[in-house]
Amino acid sequence: MPTTVEFRREILTAELRHPEHDFEPVRSQVEVRWDPLTEHTSRLVPARGLMQRSDFDVEAFAAETARTCPFCGERLARLTPKLAAELSVDGRIAVGQSVLFPNLHAYGKHSSVSVYSPDLHYLPLERITDRLMADNLATQVGFGRAVMAEDPAARWASISANHMLPAGSSLFHPHLQGLMDPVPTTLQRQIAGVPGERFEAYLAAERTAGERHLGGTGRVEWLASFAPIAPAELRAFVPGVVAPAELDDDLVEELGHGLSIALGLFAELGFQSFNLAMYGAPRGTPGYMLNLRLACRSNLAPLYRSDATLLERLHWEAAVDVWPEDVAAAAGDRFRA
């Protein structure tokens, strides 16, 4: 029986007596949406400038933080740890300018950090090129393959990013993080439990709807998320691939290209900070598609409003005023090969 996907939504109407309208009744609407894959809900509210642009001098701030940064220049070789010998004879994995090493503060059994370059402490989104992103991804793919060869029980792989402090980074220097674990994260477990045919049905439904389907760069399809878990969330799906370690060179290049396009879009929309998560599943998971989420975070400023509120952290439900259809319209045809 064919799997059908419903873009489920419900509009809630609030009424209040507004002080700017002589306390006459005013109505406002909130749209609740259900994610077609996991059925988690999110709330879309009218645009009210929650994600403000910033005129903060990020470059000047970056210069201050670079003075003691352990990822900068020659300090990287002295101050960052090395991988176990069975994972890398050299202790680090390098591709192009990118360098990968273990996370000094591990978040799992095999935890890595990879910088785009020891010489790029300040890297605004519009300067993250295809080459920089692909090379950084390649170090993580190499890390994943090395870990799987030595520790097959570490079946759950992810590649993630906290870009700048509002995104949760403890260091300013831009980098990716890898995690190889015998235990999945909550979202990995949820997404891996989605029946394989539902991924295909979801992509087919978005292609038909057309409102949020951004296109394909070749073998990777991009969407603006119907029920976003963070502002301006984009999603990408890689059919035929289950884990990051399975990405071939061409797919690494393609993902690097797509992510560079996406971050350029975020920069045009006025954002500086983002989170990325690529969710791998154990090899052989039936019908699973390697997929990722990419979303904006609040801009860096001396006093800024965090976009992660009680709803996001304690209810696991986003409330955003950046609508997916508006993000898709801003993206235009840039994701279409």
C-alpha atoms as a PDB file:
ATOM      1  CA  MET A   1       0.000   0.000   0.000  1.00  0.00           C
ATOM      2  CA  PRO A   2       1.546   3.365  -1.028  1.00  0.00           C
ATOM      3  CA  THR A   3       2.734   5.655   1.763  1.00  0.00           C
ATOM      4  CA  THR A   4       1.049   9.041   1.766  1.00  0.00           C
ATOM      5  CA  VAL A   5       2.418  12.169   3.400  1.00  0.00           C
ATOM      6  CA  GLU A   6       0.207  14.833   4.879  1.00  0.00           C
ATOM      7  CA  PHE A   7       1.423  18.381   5.440  1.00  0.00           C
ATOM      8  CA  ARG A   8      -0.595  18.685   8.606  1.00  0.00           C
ATOM      9  CA  ARG A   9      -1.186  22.101  10.136  1.00  0.00           C
ATOM     10  CA  GLU A  10      -3.604  23.731  12.535  1.00  0.00           C
ATOM     11  CA  ILE A  11      -4.229  27.426  13.059  1.00  0.00           C
ATOM     12  CA  LEU A  12      -4.756  28.692  16.602  1.00  0.00           C
ATOM     13  CA  THR A  13      -6.310  32.121  17.127  1.00  0.00           C
ATOM     14  CA  ALA A  14      -5.574  34.274  20.156  1.00  0.00           C
ATOM     15  CA  GLU A  15      -7.660  37.325  21.080  1.00  0.00           C
ATOM     16  CA  LEU A  16      -6.668  40.213  23.330  1.00  0.00           C
ATOM     17  CA  ARG A  17      -7.519  43.859  23.890  1.00  0.00           C
ATOM     18  CA  HIS A  18      -4.537  45.705  22.466  1.00  0.00           C
ATOM     19  CA  PRO A  19      -3.108  48.819  24.223  1.00  0.00           C
ATOM     20  CA  GLU A  20      -2.110  50.370  20.872  1.00  0.00           C
ATOM     21  CA  HIS A  21      -5.674  50.027  19.549  1.00  0.00           C
ATOM     22  CA  ASP A  22      -7.559  51.657  22.435  1.00  0.00           C
ATOM     23  CA  PHE A  23      -7.877  48.213  24.022  1.00  0.00           C
ATOM     24  CA  GLU A  24     -10.180  47.054  21.261  1.00  0.00           C
ATOM     25  CA  PRO A  25     -10.152  43.305  20.523  1.00  0.00           C
ATOM     26  CA  VAL A  26      -7.300  42.191  18.250  1.00  0.00           C
ATOM     27  CA  ARG A  27      -6.730  38.679  16.953  1.00  0.00           C
ATOM     28  CA  SER A  28      -3.437  37.018  16.086  1.00  0.00           C
ATOM     29  CA  GLN A  29      -2.722  33.575  14.709  1.00  0.00           C
ATOM     30  CA  VAL A  30      -0.221  30.835  15.425  1.00  0.00           C
ATOM     31  CA  GLU A  31       0.223  27.967  12.974  1.00  0.00           C
ATOM     32  CA  VAL A  32       1.151  24.580  14.436  1.00  0.00           C
ATOM     33  CA  ARG A  33       2.797  22.183  11.972  1.00  0.00           C
ATOM     34  CA  TRP A  34       3.617  18.477  12.216  1.00  0.00           C
ATOM     35  CA  ASP A  35       6.871  17.224  10.703  1.00  0.00           C
ATOM     36  CA  PRO A  36       6.026  14.634   8.000  1.00  0.00           C
ATOM     37  CA  LEU A  37       8.852  12.314   9.103  1.00  0.00           C
ATOM     38  CA  THR A  38       8.951  12.403  12.911  1.00  0.00           C
ATOM     39  CA  GLU A  39       5.593  14.116  13.697  1.00  0.00           C
ATOM     40  CA  HIS A  40       7.239  16.565  16.076  1.00  0.00           C
ATOM     41  CA  THR A  41       5.411  19.906  16.137  1.00  0.00           C
ATOM     42  CA  SER A  42       6.602  23.472  15.675  1.00  0.00           C
ATOM     43  CA  ARG A  43       4.890  26.841  15.891  1.00  0.00           C
ATOM     44  CA  LEU A  44       5.094  29.537  13.251  1.00  0.00           C
ATOM     45  CA  VAL A  45       4.199  33.021  14.413  1.00  0.00           C
ATOM     46  CA  PRO A  46       3.719  36.272  12.481  1.00  0.00           C
ATOM     47  CA  ALA A  47       6.974  38.032  11.556  1.00  0.00           C
ATOM     48  CA  ARG A  48       8.007  40.191  14.492  1.00  0.00           C
ATOM     49  CA  GLY A  49      11.748  40.622  14.035  1.00  0.00           C
ATOM     50  CA  LEU A  50      12.819  37.961  16.525  1.00  0.00           C
ATOM     51  CA  MET A  51      15.925  37.211  14.432  1.00  0.00           C
ATOM     52  CA  GLN A  52      17.346  40.693  14.086  1.00  0.00           C
ATOM     53  CA  ARG A  53      20.223  41.725  11.878  1.00  0.00           C
ATOM     54  CA  SER A  54      23.269  42.974  13.747  1.00  0.00           C
ATOM     55  CA  ASP A  55      25.761  45.770  13.137  1.00  0.00           C
ATOM     56  CA  PHE A  56      28.104  44.325  15.764  1.00  0.00           C
ATOM     57  CA  ASP A  57      31.760  44.375  14.653  1.00  0.00           C
ATOM     58  CA  VAL A  58      32.313  40.621  14.569  1.00  0.00           C
ATOM     59  CA  GLU A  59      35.694  40.931  12.868  1.00  0.00           C
ATOM     60  CA  ALA A  60      37.066  43.124  15.672  1.00  0.00           C
ATOM     61  CA  PHE A  61      35.777  40.656  18.253  1.00  0.00           C
ATOM     62  CA  ALA A  62      37.381  37.816  16.286  1.00  0.00           C
ATOM     63  CA  ALA A  63      40.744  39.596  16.399  1.00  0.00           C
ATOM     64  CA  GLU A  64      40.549  39.721  20.199  1.00  0.00           C
ATOM     65  CA  THR A  65      39.748  36.016  20.521  1.00  0.00           C
ATOM     66  CA  ALA A  66      42.487  35.004  18.050  1.00  0.00           C
ATOM     67  CA  ARG A  67      45.278  36.013  20.434  1.00  0.00           C
ATOM     68  CA  THR A  68      44.909  32.888  22.558  1.00  0.00           C
ATOM     69  CA  CYS A  69      42.997  30.567  20.213  1.00  0.00           C
ATOM     70  CA  PRO A  70      44.376  26.986  20.365  1.00  0.00           C
ATOM     71  CA  PHE A  71      43.173  26.302  16.799  1.00  0.00           C
ATOM     72  CA  CYS A  72      45.126  29.179  15.226  1.00  0.00           C
ATOM     73  CA  GLY A  73      48.359  28.824  13.266  1.00  0.00           C
ATOM     74  CA  GLU A  74      51.206  26.888  14.848  1.00  0.00           C
ATOM     75  CA  ARG A  75      49.343  26.642  18.170  1.00  0.00           C
ATOM     76  CA  LEU A  76      47.103  23.933  16.688  1.00  0.00           C
ATOM     77  CA  ALA A  77      50.016  21.475  16.458  1.00  0.00           C
ATOM     78  CA  ARG A  78      51.116  22.221  20.038  1.00  0.00           C
ATOM     79  CA  LEU A  79      47.825  22.589  21.869  1.00  0.00           C
ATOM     80  CA  THR A  80      45.381  20.142  20.290  1.00  0.00           C
ATOM     81  CA  PRO A  81      45.397  16.381  21.023  1.00  0.00           C
ATOM     82  CA  LYS A  82      46.222  13.591  18.598  1.00  0.00           C
ATOM     83  CA  LEU A  83      44.154  10.627  17.452  1.00  0.00           C
ATOM     84  CA  ALA A  84      45.001   7.142  18.651  1.00  0.00           C
ATOM     85  CA  ALA A  85      47.676   5.512  16.481  1.00  0.00           C
ATOM     86  CA  GLU A  86      45.242   2.898  15.148  1.00  0.00           C
ATOM     87  CA  LEU A  87      43.079   5.707  13.727  1.00  0.00           C
ATOM     88  CA  SER A  88      45.893   7.808  12.292  1.00  0.00           C
ATOM     89  CA  VAL A  89      49.633   7.290  12.285  1.00  0.00           C
ATOM     90  CA  ASP A  90      50.119  11.051  12.091  1.00  0.00           C
ATOM     91  CA  GLY A  91      47.608  11.693  14.878  1.00  0.00           C
ATOM     92  CA  ARG A  92      45.551  14.062  12.751  1.00  0.00           C
ATOM     93  CA  ILE A  93      43.687  13.926   9.431  1.00  0.00           C
ATOM     94  CA  ALA A  94      44.360  16.715   6.937  1.00  0.00           C
ATOM     95  CA  VAL A  95      42.639  17.466   3.628  1.00  0.00           C
ATOM     96  CA  GLY A  96      43.517  20.715   1.872  1.00  0.00           C
ATOM     97  CA  GLN A  97      43.634  23.396   4.565  1.00  0.00           C
ATOM     98  CA  SER A  98      41.359  21.433   6.931  1.00  0.00           C
ATOM     99  CA  VAL A  99      42.771  19.562   9.926  1.00  0.00           C
ATOM    100  CA  LEU A 100      40.929  17.065  12.166  1.00  0.00           C
ATOM    101  CA  PHE A 101      41.924  16.012  15.692  1.00  0.00           C
ATOM    102  CA  PRO A 102      40.183  14.533  18.766  1.00  0.00           C
ATOM    103  CA  ASN A 103      37.858  16.720  20.793  1.00  0.00           C
ATOM    104  CA  LEU A 104      39.676  17.512  24.047  1.00  0.00           C
ATOM    105  CA  HIS A 105      36.264  17.533  25.744  1.00  0.00           C
ATOM    106  CA  ALA A 106      34.653  14.451  24.231  1.00  0.00           C
ATOM    107  CA  TYR A 107      30.880  14.146  23.780  1.00  0.00           C
ATOM    108  CA  GLY A 108      30.967  10.432  23.024  1.00  0.00           C
ATOM    109  CA  LYS A 109      33.262   7.442  22.531  1.00  0.00           C
ATOM    110  CA  HIS A 110      34.877   8.890  19.383  1.00  0.00           C
ATOM    111  CA  SER A 111      34.615  12.671  19.263  1.00  0.00           C
ATOM    112  CA  SER A 112      36.430  14.891  16.757  1.00  0.00           C
ATOM    113  CA  VAL A 113      36.946  18.525  15.804  1.00  0.00           C
ATOM    114  CA  SER A 114      37.971  19.686  12.330  1.00  0.00           C
ATOM    115  CA  VAL A 115      38.889  23.285  11.516  1.00  0.00           C
ATOM    116  CA  TYR A 116      38.423  24.709   8.043  1.00  0.00           C
ATOM    117  CA  SER A 117      41.965  26.050   8.330  1.00  0.00           C
ATOM    118  CA  PRO A 118      44.342  26.978  11.156  1.00  0.00           C
ATOM    119  CA  ASP A 119      44.714  30.314   9.358  1.00  0.00           C
ATOM    120  CA  LEU A 120      40.992  31.173   9.194  1.00  0.00           C
ATOM    121  CA  HIS A 121      39.945  32.321  12.653  1.00  0.00           C
ATOM    122  CA  TYR A 122      37.327  34.698  11.231  1.00  0.00           C
ATOM    123  CA  LEU A 123      35.184  33.068   8.549  1.00  0.00           C
ATOM    124  CA  PRO A 124      31.869  34.796   7.792  1.00  0.00           C
ATOM    125  CA  LEU A 125      29.294  32.622   6.102  1.00  0.00           C
ATOM    126  CA  GLU A 126      29.703  34.150   2.653  1.00  0.00           C
ATOM    127  CA  ARG A 127      33.402  33.157   2.692  1.00  0.00           C
ATOM    128  CA  ILE A 128      32.820  29.455   3.357  1.00  0.00           C
ATOM    129  CA  THR A 129      33.565  28.232  -0.156  1.00  0.00           C
ATOM    130  CA  ASP A 130      32.766  24.890  -1.769  1.00  0.00           C
ATOM    131  CA  ARG A 131      36.430  23.923  -1.375  1.00  0.00           C
ATOM    132  CA  LEU A 132      36.689  24.795   2.317  1.00  0.00           C
ATOM    133  CA  MET A 133      33.469  22.974   3.170  1.00  0.00           C
ATOM    134  CA  ALA A 134      34.198  19.885   1.058  1.00  0.00           C
ATOM    135  CA  ASP A 135      37.704  19.498   2.491  1.00  0.00           C
ATOM    136  CA  ASN A 136      36.395  19.839   6.036  1.00  0.00           C
ATOM    137  CA  LEU A 137      33.680  17.245   5.352  1.00  0.00           C
ATOM    138  CA  ALA A 138      36.321  14.971   3.830  1.00  0.00           C
ATOM    139  CA  THR A 139      38.326  14.939   7.071  1.00  0.00           C
ATOM    140  CA  GLN A 140      35.177  13.856   8.953  1.00  0.00           C
ATOM    141  CA  VAL A 141      34.403  11.144   6.388  1.00  0.00           C
ATOM    142  CA  GLY A 142      37.982   9.870   6.779  1.00  0.00           C
ATOM    143  CA  PHE A 143      37.584   9.908  10.555  1.00  0.00           C
ATOM    144  CA  GLY A 144      34.340   7.933  10.275  1.00  0.00           C
ATOM    145  CA  ARG A 145      35.935   5.281   8.077  1.00  0.00           C
ATOM    146  CA  ALA A 146      38.923   4.919  10.414  1.00  0.00           C
ATOM    147  CA  VAL A 147      36.697   4.529  13.480  1.00  0.00           C
ATOM    148  CA  MET A 148      34.387   1.992  11.790  1.00  0.00           C
ATOM    149  CA  ALA A 149      37.393  -0.115  10.786  1.00  0.00           C
ATOM    150  CA  GLU A 150      38.641  -0.251  14.391  1.00  0.00           C
ATOM    151  CA  ASP A 151      35.383  -0.112  16.346  1.00  0.00           C
ATOM    152  CA  PRO A 152      32.392  -1.491  14.386  1.00  0.00           C
ATOM    153  CA  ALA A 153      30.174  -1.038  17.461  1.00  0.00           C
ATOM    154  CA  ALA A 154      30.413   2.747  16.992  1.00  0.00           C
ATOM    155  CA  ARG A 155      27.649   2.526  14.380  1.00  0.00           C
ATOM    156  CA  TRP A 156      25.998   5.904  14.974  1.00  0.00           C
ATOM    157  CA  ALA A 157      27.801   8.714  13.166  1.00  0.00           C
ATOM    158  CA  SER A 158      27.030  12.404  12.943  1.00  0.00           C
ATOM    159  CA  ILE A 159      28.761  15.506  11.601  1.00  0.00           C
ATOM    160  CA  SER A 160      27.722  18.754  13.233  1.00  0.00           C
ATOM    161  CA  ALA A 161      28.640  22.396  13.693  1.00  0.00           C
ATOM    162  CA  ASN A 162      28.211  25.210  16.187  1.00  0.00           C
ATOM    163  CA  HIS A 163      29.251  28.265  14.179  1.00  0.00           C
ATOM    164  CA  MET A 164      30.014  31.114  16.593  1.00  0.00           C
ATOM    165  CA  LEU A 165      29.021  31.649  20.196  1.00  0.00           C
ATOM    166  CA  PRO A 166      25.213  32.030  19.807  1.00  0.00           C
ATOM    167  CA  ALA A 167      25.190  28.576  18.180  1.00  0.00           C
ATOM    168  CA  GLY A 168      26.830  27.018  21.230  1.00  0.00           C
ATOM    169  CA  SER A 169      30.500  27.118  20.271  1.00  0.00           C
ATOM    170  CA  SER A 170      32.911  27.523  23.178  1.00  0.00           C
ATOM    171  CA  LEU A 171      35.620  28.691  20.757  1.00  0.00           C
ATOM    172  CA  PHE A 172      35.271  31.353  18.082  1.00  0.00           C
ATOM    173  CA  HIS A 173      37.480  29.583  15.505  1.00  0.00           C
ATOM    174  CA  PRO A 174      35.063  27.933  12.992  1.00  0.00           C
ATOM    175  CA  HIS A 175      35.024  24.149  12.914  1.00  0.00           C
ATOM    176  CA  LEU A 176      32.951  20.999  12.458  1.00  0.00           C
ATOM    177  CA  GLN A 177      32.497  18.223  14.999  1.00  0.00           C
ATOM    178  CA  GLY A 178      32.211  14.493  14.459  1.00  0.00           C
ATOM    179  CA  LEU A 179      30.703  11.865  16.749  1.00  0.00           C
ATOM    180  CA  MET A 180      30.967   8.086  16.377  1.00  0.00           C
ATOM    181  CA  ASP A 181      29.120   6.216  19.099  1.00  0.00           C
ATOM    182  CA  PRO A 182      27.444   2.927  19.994  1.00  0.00           C
ATOM    183  CA  VAL A 183      24.539   5.041  21.293  1.00  0.00           C
ATOM    184  CA  PRO A 184      22.416   7.316  19.033  1.00  0.00           C
ATOM    185  CA  THR A 185      21.297  10.808  19.906  1.00  0.00           C
ATOM    186  CA  THR A 186      17.568  11.270  20.434  1.00  0.00           C
ATOM    187  CA  LEU A 187      16.970  12.683  16.950  1.00  0.00           C
ATOM    188  CA  GLN A 188      19.162  10.044  15.312  1.00  0.00           C
ATOM    189  CA  ARG A 189      17.062   7.346  16.945  1.00  0.00           C
ATOM    190  CA  GLN A 190      13.823   9.052  15.881  1.00  0.00           C
ATOM    191  CA  ILE A 191      14.863   9.572  12.267  1.00  0.00           C
ATOM    192  CA  ALA A 192      16.373   6.085  11.933  1.00  0.00           C
ATOM    193  CA  GLY A 193      13.005   4.692  13.033  1.00  0.00           C
ATOM    194  CA  VAL A 194      11.183   6.313  10.111  1.00  0.00           C
ATOM    195  CA  PRO A 195      10.134   3.640   7.562  1.00  0.00           C
ATOM    196  CA  GLY A 196      12.294   3.843   4.459  1.00  0.00           C
ATOM    197  CA  GLU A 197       9.371   4.371   2.102  1.00  0.00           C
ATOM    198  CA  ARG A 198       8.365   7.463   4.072  1.00  0.00           C
ATOM    199  CA  PHE A 199      11.555   9.287   3.071  1.00  0.00           C
ATOM    200  CA  GLU A 200      10.705   8.753  -0.595  1.00  0.00           C
ATOM    201  CA  ALA A 201       7.081   9.760  -0.052  1.00  0.00           C
ATOM    202  CA  TYR A 202       8.130  12.927   1.792  1.00  0.00           C
ATOM    203  CA  LEU A 203      10.484  14.030  -0.980  1.00  0.00           C
ATOM    204  CA  ALA A 204       7.877  13.195  -3.639  1.00  0.00           C
ATOM    205  CA  ALA A 205       5.215  15.203  -1.781  1.00  0.00           C
ATOM    206  CA  GLU A 206       7.523  18.216  -1.447  1.00  0.00           C
ATOM    207  CA  ARG A 207       8.413  18.062  -5.150  1.00  0.00           C
ATOM    208  CA  THR A 208       4.709  18.052  -5.984  1.00  0.00           C
ATOM    209  CA  ALA A 209       3.855  20.860  -3.550  1.00  0.00           C
ATOM    210  CA  GLY A 210       6.711  22.978  -4.888  1.00  0.00           C
ATOM    211  CA  GLU A 211       6.521  25.580  -2.110  1.00  0.00           C
ATOM    212  CA  ARG A 212       9.550  24.405  -0.132  1.00  0.00           C
ATOM    213  CA  HIS A 213      11.409  22.086  -2.519  1.00  0.00           C
ATOM    214  CA  LEU A 214      14.611  23.945  -3.382  1.00  0.00           C
ATOM    215  CA  GLY A 215      15.898  21.492  -5.969  1.00  0.00           C
ATOM    216  CA  GLY A 216      18.734  19.046  -6.344  1.00  0.00           C
ATOM    217  CA  THR A 217      22.451  19.645  -6.836  1.00  0.00           C
ATOM    218  CA  GLY A 218      22.828  16.209  -8.430  1.00  0.00           C
ATOM    219  CA  ARG A 219      22.336  13.316  -6.011  1.00  0.00           C
ATOM    220  CA  VAL A 220      21.376  15.524  -3.053  1.00  0.00           C
ATOM    221  CA  GLU A 221      17.919  17.099  -2.632  1.00  0.00           C
ATOM    222  CA  TRP A 222      17.327  20.280  -0.626  1.00  0.00           C
ATOM    223  CA  LEU A 223      14.168  21.540   1.124  1.00  0.00           C
ATOM    224  CA  ALA A 224      13.066  24.327   3.388  1.00  0.00           C
ATOM    225  CA  SER A 225      11.738  22.415   6.397  1.00  0.00           C
ATOM    226  CA  PHE A 226       7.926  22.301   6.589  1.00  0.00           C
ATOM    227  CA  ALA A 227       7.976  22.169  10.408  1.00  0.00           C
ATOM    228  CA  PRO A 228      11.287  23.808  11.337  1.00  0.00           C
ATOM    229  CA  ILE A 229      12.986  23.091  14.645  1.00  0.00           C
ATOM    230  CA  ALA A 230      15.008  26.328  14.347  1.00  0.00           C
ATOM    231  CA  PRO A 231      14.904  29.552  12.282  1.00  0.00           C
ATOM    232  CA  ALA A 232      15.341  29.295   8.493  1.00  0.00           C
ATOM    233  CA  GLU A 233      15.914  25.550   8.706  1.00  0.00           C
ATOM    234  CA  LEU A 234      16.996  23.776   5.525  1.00  0.00           C
ATOM    235  CA  ARG A 235      17.084  20.005   5.058  1.00  0.00           C
ATOM    236  CA  ALA A 236      19.047  17.842   2.630  1.00  0.00           C
ATOM    237  CA  PHE A 237      18.661  14.149   1.767  1.00  0.00           C
ATOM    238  CA  VAL A 238      21.153  11.776   0.130  1.00  0.00           C
ATOM    239  CA  PRO A 239      19.333   8.721  -1.294  1.00  0.00           C
ATOM    240  CA  GLY A 240      21.334   5.510  -1.303  1.00  0.00           C
ATOM    241  CA  VAL A 241      23.661   6.574   1.528  1.00  0.00           C
ATOM    242  CA  VAL A 242      23.134   5.641   5.182  1.00  0.00           C
ATOM    243  CA  ALA A 243      26.275   6.837   6.998  1.00  0.00           C
ATOM    244  CA  PRO A 244      28.823   9.640   6.408  1.00  0.00           C
ATOM    245  CA  ALA A 245      31.570   7.022   5.935  1.00  0.00           C
ATOM    246  CA  GLU A 246      29.716   5.846   2.793  1.00  0.00           C
ATOM    247  CA  LEU A 247      30.021   9.224   1.058  1.00  0.00           C
ATOM    248  CA  ASP A 248      32.211   8.958  -2.030  1.00  0.00           C
ATOM    249  CA  ASP A 249      34.445  11.796  -3.213  1.00  0.00           C
ATOM    250  CA  ASP A 250      31.844  13.143  -5.632  1.00  0.00           C
ATOM    251  CA  LEU A 251      29.161  13.292  -2.944  1.00  0.00           C
ATOM    252  CA  VAL A 252      31.525  15.047  -0.528  1.00  0.00           C
ATOM    253  CA  GLU A 253      32.142  17.654  -3.228  1.00  0.00           C
ATOM    254  CA  GLU A 254      28.411  17.966  -3.891  1.00  0.00           C
ATOM    255  CA  LEU A 255      27.533  18.378  -0.230  1.00  0.00           C
ATOM    256  CA  GLY A 256      30.304  20.934   0.159  1.00  0.00           C
ATOM    257  CA  HIS A 257      28.826  22.856  -2.766  1.00  0.00           C
ATOM    258  CA  GLY A 258      25.279  22.682  -1.386  1.00  0.00           C
ATOM    259  CA  LEU A 259      26.293  23.753   2.103  1.00  0.00           C
ATOM    260  CA  SER A 260      28.287  26.665   0.709  1.00  0.00           C
ATOM    261  CA  ILE A 261      25.207  27.777  -1.247  1.00  0.00           C
ATOM    262  CA  ALA A 262      23.027  27.463   1.854  1.00  0.00           C
ATOM    263  CA  LEU A 263      25.392  29.492   4.025  1.00  0.00           C
ATOM    264  CA  GLY A 264      25.614  32.172   1.341  1.00  0.00           C
ATOM    265  CA  LEU A 265      21.806  32.359   1.465  1.00  0.00           C
ATOM    266  CA  PHE A 266      21.898  32.725   5.263  1.00  0.00           C
ATOM    267  CA  ALA A 267      24.432  35.552   4.901  1.00  0.00           C
ATOM    268  CA  GLU A 268      22.140  37.346   2.433  1.00  0.00           C
ATOM    269  CA  LEU A 269      19.268  36.989   4.905  1.00  0.00           C
ATOM    270  CA  GLY A 270      21.400  38.782   7.508  1.00  0.00           C
ATOM    271  CA  PHE A 271      22.507  35.846   9.667  1.00  0.00           C
ATOM    272  CA  GLN A 272      26.000  35.131  11.009  1.00  0.00           C
ATOM    273  CA  SER A 273      25.638  32.047  13.162  1.00  0.00           C
ATOM    274  CA  PHE A 274      24.342  28.541  12.392  1.00  0.00           C
ATOM    275  CA  ASN A 275      24.009  24.948  13.548  1.00  0.00           C
ATOM    276  CA  LEU A 276      24.452  21.914  11.323  1.00  0.00           C
ATOM    277  CA  ALA A 277      23.661  18.264  12.017  1.00  0.00           C
ATOM    278  CA  MET A 278      24.138  15.377   9.572  1.00  0.00           C
ATOM    279  CA  TYR A 279      22.413  12.255  10.886  1.00  0.00           C
ATOM    280  CA  GLY A 280      23.935   8.894  10.058  1.00  0.00           C
ATOM    281  CA  ALA A 281      22.360   5.529  10.892  1.00  0.00           C
ATOM    282  CA  PRO A 282      23.889   2.043  11.203  1.00  0.00           C
ATOM    283  CA  ARG A 283      24.869   0.537   7.869  1.00  0.00           C
ATOM    284  CA  GLY A 284      22.123  -1.604   6.441  1.00  0.00           C
ATOM    285  CA  THR A 285      19.249   0.378   7.981  1.00  0.00           C
ATOM    286  CA  PRO A 286      16.497  -0.386   5.406  1.00  0.00           C
ATOM    287  CA  GLY A 287      15.537   2.551   3.187  1.00  0.00           C
ATOM    288  CA  TYR A 288      17.340   5.108   5.338  1.00  0.00           C
ATOM    289  CA  MET A 289      18.645   8.284   3.681  1.00  0.00           C
ATOM    290  CA  LEU A 290      21.584  10.182   5.100  1.00  0.00           C
ATOM    291  CA  ASN A 291      20.104  13.582   5.880  1.00  0.00           C
ATOM    292  CA  LEU A 292      21.032  16.883   7.442  1.00  0.00           C
ATOM    293  CA  ARG A 293      19.500  19.931   9.031  1.00  0.00           C
ATOM    294  CA  LEU A 294      21.012  23.409   8.789  1.00  0.00           C
ATOM    295  CA  ALA A 295      19.536  26.353  10.696  1.00  0.00           C
ATOM    296  CA  CYS A 296      20.320  29.917  11.713  1.00  0.00           C
ATOM    297  CA  ARG A 297      20.956  31.104  15.241  1.00  0.00           C
ATOM    298  CA  SER A 298      20.804  34.556  16.799  1.00  0.00           C
ATOM    299  CA  ASN A 299      23.404  37.060  15.641  1.00  0.00           C
ATOM    300  CA  LEU A 300      26.390  37.788  17.852  1.00  0.00           C
ATOM    301  CA  ALA A 301      26.051  41.063  19.745  1.00  0.00           C
ATOM    302  CA  PRO A 302      26.897  42.399  23.233  1.00  0.00           C
ATOM    303  CA  LEU A 303      23.245  41.969  24.230  1.00  0.00           C
ATOM    304  CA  TYR A 304      21.357  39.524  22.058  1.00  0.00           C
ATOM    305  CA  ARG A 305      18.184  37.499  22.377  1.00  0.00           C
ATOM    306  CA  SER A 306      18.770  33.768  22.300  1.00  0.00           C
ATOM    307  CA  ASP A 307      16.486  31.986  19.841  1.00  0.00           C
ATOM    308  CA  ALA A 308      16.471  28.919  22.140  1.00  0.00           C
ATOM    309  CA  THR A 309      13.730  29.626  24.659  1.00  0.00           C
ATOM    310  CA  LEU A 310      11.667  27.544  27.078  1.00  0.00           C
ATOM    311  CA  LEU A 311       9.705  26.168  24.132  1.00  0.00           C
ATOM    312  CA  GLU A 312      12.802  24.915  22.322  1.00  0.00           C
ATOM    313  CA  ARG A 313      14.701  23.590  25.319  1.00  0.00           C
ATOM    314  CA  LEU A 314      11.977  22.286  27.635  1.00  0.00           C
ATOM    315  CA  HIS A 315       9.067  21.566  25.267  1.00  0.00           C
ATOM    316  CA  TRP A 316      11.199  20.401  22.281  1.00  0.00           C
ATOM    317  CA  GLU A 317       9.088  22.665  20.059  1.00  0.00           C
ATOM    318  CA  ALA A 318      10.313  25.636  18.069  1.00  0.00           C
ATOM    319  CA  ALA A 319       8.472  28.946  17.844  1.00  0.00           C
ATOM    320  CA  VAL A 320       9.868  30.878  14.876  1.00  0.00           C
ATOM    321  CA  ASP A 321       8.836  33.874  12.808  1.00  0.00           C
ATOM    322  CA  VAL A 322      10.964  32.949   9.773  1.00  0.00           C
ATOM    323  CA  TRP A 323       8.525  31.069   7.538  1.00  0.00           C
ATOM    324  CA  PRO A 324       9.782  28.154   5.397  1.00  0.00           C
ATOM    325  CA  GLU A 325       7.997  29.374   2.291  1.00  0.00           C
ATOM    326  CA  ASP A 326       9.726  32.774   2.604  1.00  0.00           C
ATOM    327  CA  VAL A 327      13.112  31.067   2.935  1.00  0.00           C
ATOM    328  CA  ALA A 328      12.351  28.978  -0.160  1.00  0.00           C
ATOM    329  CA  ALA A 329      11.375  32.088  -2.103  1.00  0.00           C
ATOM    330  CA  ALA A 330      14.634  33.784  -1.097  1.00  0.00           C
ATOM    331  CA  ALA A 331      16.607  30.705  -2.194  1.00  0.00           C
ATOM    332  CA  GLY A 332      15.166  30.836  -5.702  1.00  0.00           C
ATOM    333  CA  ASP A 333      16.917  28.467  -8.110  1.00  0.00           C
ATOM    334  CA  ARG A 334      20.344  28.449  -6.495  1.00  0.00           C
ATOM    335  CA  PHE A 335      20.048  24.776  -5.443  1.00  0.00           C
ATOM    336  CA  ARG A 336      18.976  23.546  -8.860  1.00  0.00           C
ATOM    337  CA  ALA A 337      21.791  21.825 -10.748  1.00  0.00           C
END
